[in-house]
Amino acid sequence: MLPLVFAIIGLGFAALVTLGLLAGAGEWEVNPVVGSLSIYGFLTLWTGFAWRMHRTGIYVSDTAVRLIYPWRNRVIPWSDVVNIASRPAMLGTWATARNAIYLDLANGDRVETPVQRGTARFIRGVRKNIGPVLGQVEFDATVTFLREMREYAGAQGVAEIRRPPR
């Protein structure tokens, strides 16, 4: 929700700057083209980053899982996923107070997703705030859903046809 608020603030500020430029609110100290490009460039970056933060999460299809982080995307085919687990989210080499969803891959890699389980407000420890923080019920339902999708995608590769999960 907070990234969406930042996007709205950025768009509102862009509208105010545009009205100020159109109304001729004053003299520019620098070249008006350079000034307006720098302001709109900053607002574009601000709004783009807020939009990326808003879209951060896990997206699934019948064939792959897409992880969208603030700075990059990663698509992993279901055939490469061997296990889905909940472990403490890592911040560098430190374990944080929240658990995250991990995808264990066939090649031995472990991929941390941006989705985390919320903790009580006064739990001590470092928190990593890069993606959605779900309540206990939603987090467990997401892990269950991902496991069902992995099984469903695995069954599509063989003769057995199962109905898709929820």
Protein backbone atom coordinates (compact mmCIF):
# COMPACT_ATOMS: atom_id res chain seq x y z
CA MET A 1 0.00 0.00 0.00
CA LEU A 2 2.81 2.40 0.84
CA PRO A 3 4.40 2.16 -2.65
CA LEU A 4 1.04 3.06 -4.16
CA VAL A 5 0.88 6.13 -1.90
CA PHE A 6 4.37 7.14 -3.08
CA ALA A 7 3.28 6.74 -6.71
CA ILE A 8 0.24 8.95 -6.08
CA ILE A 9 2.44 11.55 -4.35
CA GLY A 10 4.83 11.52 -7.32
CA LEU A 11 2.01 11.93 -9.83
CA GLY A 12 0.44 14.71 -7.75
CA PHE A 13 3.75 16.53 -7.51
CA ALA A 14 4.19 16.18 -11.29
CA ALA A 15 0.75 17.73 -11.79
CA LEU A 16 1.65 20.65 -9.49
CA VAL A 17 4.94 21.23 -11.31
CA THR A 18 3.13 21.16 -14.65
CA LEU A 19 0.55 23.69 -13.45
CA GLY A 20 3.35 25.88 -12.13
CA LEU A 21 5.21 25.73 -15.43
CA LEU A 22 2.09 26.43 -17.48
CA ALA A 23 1.00 29.30 -15.28
CA GLY A 24 4.44 30.91 -15.45
CA ALA A 25 4.92 30.88 -11.68
CA GLY A 26 8.27 32.65 -11.89
CA GLU A 27 11.58 33.02 -13.61
CA TRP A 28 13.86 30.04 -13.94
CA GLU A 29 17.36 30.50 -12.58
CA VAL A 30 18.59 27.98 -15.15
CA ASN A 31 17.59 27.04 -18.66
CA PRO A 32 13.85 26.18 -18.54
CA VAL A 33 14.39 23.06 -20.64
CA VAL A 34 17.12 21.74 -18.33
CA GLY A 35 15.07 22.63 -15.25
CA SER A 36 11.88 20.96 -16.45
CA LEU A 37 13.79 17.88 -17.71
CA SER A 38 15.52 17.46 -14.35
CA ILE A 39 12.26 17.81 -12.41
CA TYR A 40 10.33 15.46 -14.69
CA GLY A 41 13.27 13.04 -14.81
CA PHE A 42 13.29 12.84 -11.02
CA LEU A 43 9.52 12.43 -10.89
CA THR A 44 9.67 9.69 -13.54
CA LEU A 45 12.26 7.78 -11.51
CA TRP A 46 10.29 8.31 -8.29
CA THR A 47 7.00 7.10 -9.78
CA GLY A 48 8.69 4.22 -11.64
CA PHE A 49 10.37 2.97 -8.47
CA ALA A 50 7.12 3.27 -6.51
CA TRP A 51 5.35 1.26 -9.24
CA ARG A 52 8.07 -1.45 -9.11
CA MET A 53 7.74 -1.64 -5.32
CA HIS A 54 3.97 -1.96 -5.70
CA ARG A 55 4.35 -4.88 -8.16
CA THR A 56 7.00 -6.74 -6.13
CA GLY A 57 5.88 -10.30 -5.40
CA ILE A 58 5.31 -13.78 -6.80
CA TYR A 59 3.33 -14.36 -10.00
CA VAL A 60 2.55 -17.88 -11.23
CA SER A 61 1.40 -19.56 -14.41
CA ASP A 62 0.98 -23.18 -15.47
CA THR A 63 4.57 -23.32 -16.70
CA ALA A 64 6.65 -21.00 -14.51
CA VAL A 65 6.87 -18.81 -11.44
CA ARG A 66 7.91 -15.15 -11.87
CA LEU A 67 9.60 -13.36 -9.00
CA ILE A 68 9.46 -9.59 -9.26
CA TYR A 69 11.93 -7.74 -7.06
CA PRO A 70 12.35 -3.95 -6.90
CA TRP A 71 15.42 -4.08 -9.18
CA ARG A 72 14.94 -7.18 -11.35
CA ASN A 73 12.67 -10.03 -12.43
CA ARG A 74 13.39 -13.73 -12.43
CA VAL A 75 11.38 -16.43 -14.20
CA ILE A 76 11.84 -20.02 -13.01
CA PRO A 77 10.16 -22.93 -14.80
CA TRP A 78 8.17 -25.22 -12.50
CA SER A 79 10.27 -28.13 -13.77
CA ASP A 80 13.30 -26.58 -12.01
CA VAL A 81 11.54 -26.22 -8.63
CA VAL A 82 11.94 -29.25 -6.34
CA ASN A 83 10.68 -27.80 -3.05
CA ILE A 84 8.93 -24.76 -1.61
CA ALA A 85 9.77 -23.92 2.00
CA SER A 86 9.55 -21.19 4.61
CA ARG A 87 12.85 -20.08 6.16
CA PRO A 88 14.17 -16.91 7.77
CA ALA A 89 14.70 -14.14 5.24
CA MET A 90 18.36 -13.24 4.81
CA LEU A 91 19.83 -9.76 4.81
CA GLY A 92 23.32 -10.40 3.53
CA THR A 93 24.56 -13.13 5.86
CA TRP A 94 22.16 -12.31 8.72
CA ALA A 95 18.89 -14.09 9.34
CA THR A 96 16.06 -11.63 9.89
CA ALA A 97 13.06 -11.80 12.22
CA ARG A 98 10.66 -12.66 9.39
CA ASN A 99 10.34 -15.86 7.36
CA ALA A 100 10.32 -15.73 3.58
CA ILE A 101 9.20 -18.21 0.94
CA TYR A 102 12.11 -20.06 -0.65
CA LEU A 103 12.22 -22.04 -3.88
CA ASP A 104 14.71 -24.93 -3.84
CA LEU A 105 15.89 -25.62 -7.38
CA ALA A 106 17.01 -28.84 -9.01
CA ASN A 107 20.57 -27.53 -9.43
CA GLY A 108 20.91 -27.03 -5.65
CA ASP A 109 20.30 -23.28 -5.61
CA ARG A 110 17.94 -21.76 -3.05
CA VAL A 111 16.02 -18.69 -4.22
CA GLU A 112 14.49 -16.33 -1.68
CA THR A 113 11.26 -14.71 -2.85
CA PRO A 114 10.28 -11.18 -1.79
CA VAL A 115 7.16 -12.43 0.07
CA GLN A 116 7.53 -12.58 3.86
CA ARG A 117 5.49 -13.60 6.89
CA GLY A 118 4.65 -10.75 9.22
CA THR A 119 5.79 -10.79 12.83
CA ALA A 120 4.52 -9.17 15.97
CA ARG A 121 5.36 -5.50 16.17
CA PHE A 122 7.66 -5.77 19.17
CA ILE A 123 9.66 -8.84 18.15
CA ARG A 124 13.37 -8.01 18.29
CA GLY A 125 15.50 -8.45 15.24
CA VAL A 126 16.23 -7.02 11.84
CA ARG A 127 13.41 -6.85 9.31
CA LYS A 128 13.81 -6.86 5.56
CA ASN A 129 11.26 -4.69 3.77
CA ILE A 130 11.49 -5.40 0.05
CA GLY A 131 8.15 -6.97 -0.74
CA PRO A 132 4.73 -7.97 0.51
CA VAL A 133 4.47 -8.88 4.19
CA LEU A 134 1.56 -11.28 4.69
CA GLY A 135 -0.25 -12.34 7.82
CA GLN A 136 0.14 -15.89 9.12
CA VAL A 137 -2.95 -17.26 7.35
CA GLU A 138 -2.22 -15.60 3.99
CA PHE A 139 1.44 -16.65 4.12
CA ASP A 140 0.58 -20.30 4.82
CA ALA A 141 -2.09 -20.24 2.09
CA THR A 142 0.48 -18.85 -0.37
CA VAL A 143 2.99 -21.59 0.46
CA THR A 144 0.26 -24.23 0.05
CA PHE A 145 -0.87 -22.71 -3.25
CA LEU A 146 2.68 -22.66 -4.62
CA ARG A 147 3.15 -26.32 -3.65
CA GLU A 148 -0.13 -27.22 -5.37
CA MET A 149 0.91 -25.30 -8.49
CA ARG A 150 4.25 -27.13 -8.58
CA GLU A 151 2.46 -30.49 -8.33
CA TYR A 152 -0.07 -29.42 -10.97
CA ALA A 153 2.67 -28.28 -13.35
CA GLY A 154 4.55 -31.54 -12.78
CA ALA A 155 1.42 -33.54 -13.57
CA GLN A 156 0.98 -31.65 -16.85
CA GLY A 157 4.22 -33.17 -18.10
CA VAL A 158 2.86 -36.71 -17.74
CA ALA A 159 -0.30 -38.40 -18.95
CA GLU A 160 -2.20 -37.69 -15.73
CA ILE A 161 -4.35 -34.57 -16.01
CA ARG A 162 -5.43 -32.91 -12.79
CA ARG A 163 -7.61 -29.91 -12.27
CA PRO A 164 -5.72 -26.69 -11.47
CA PRO A 165 -5.60 -25.58 -7.82
CA ARG A 166 -8.12 -22.94 -6.76
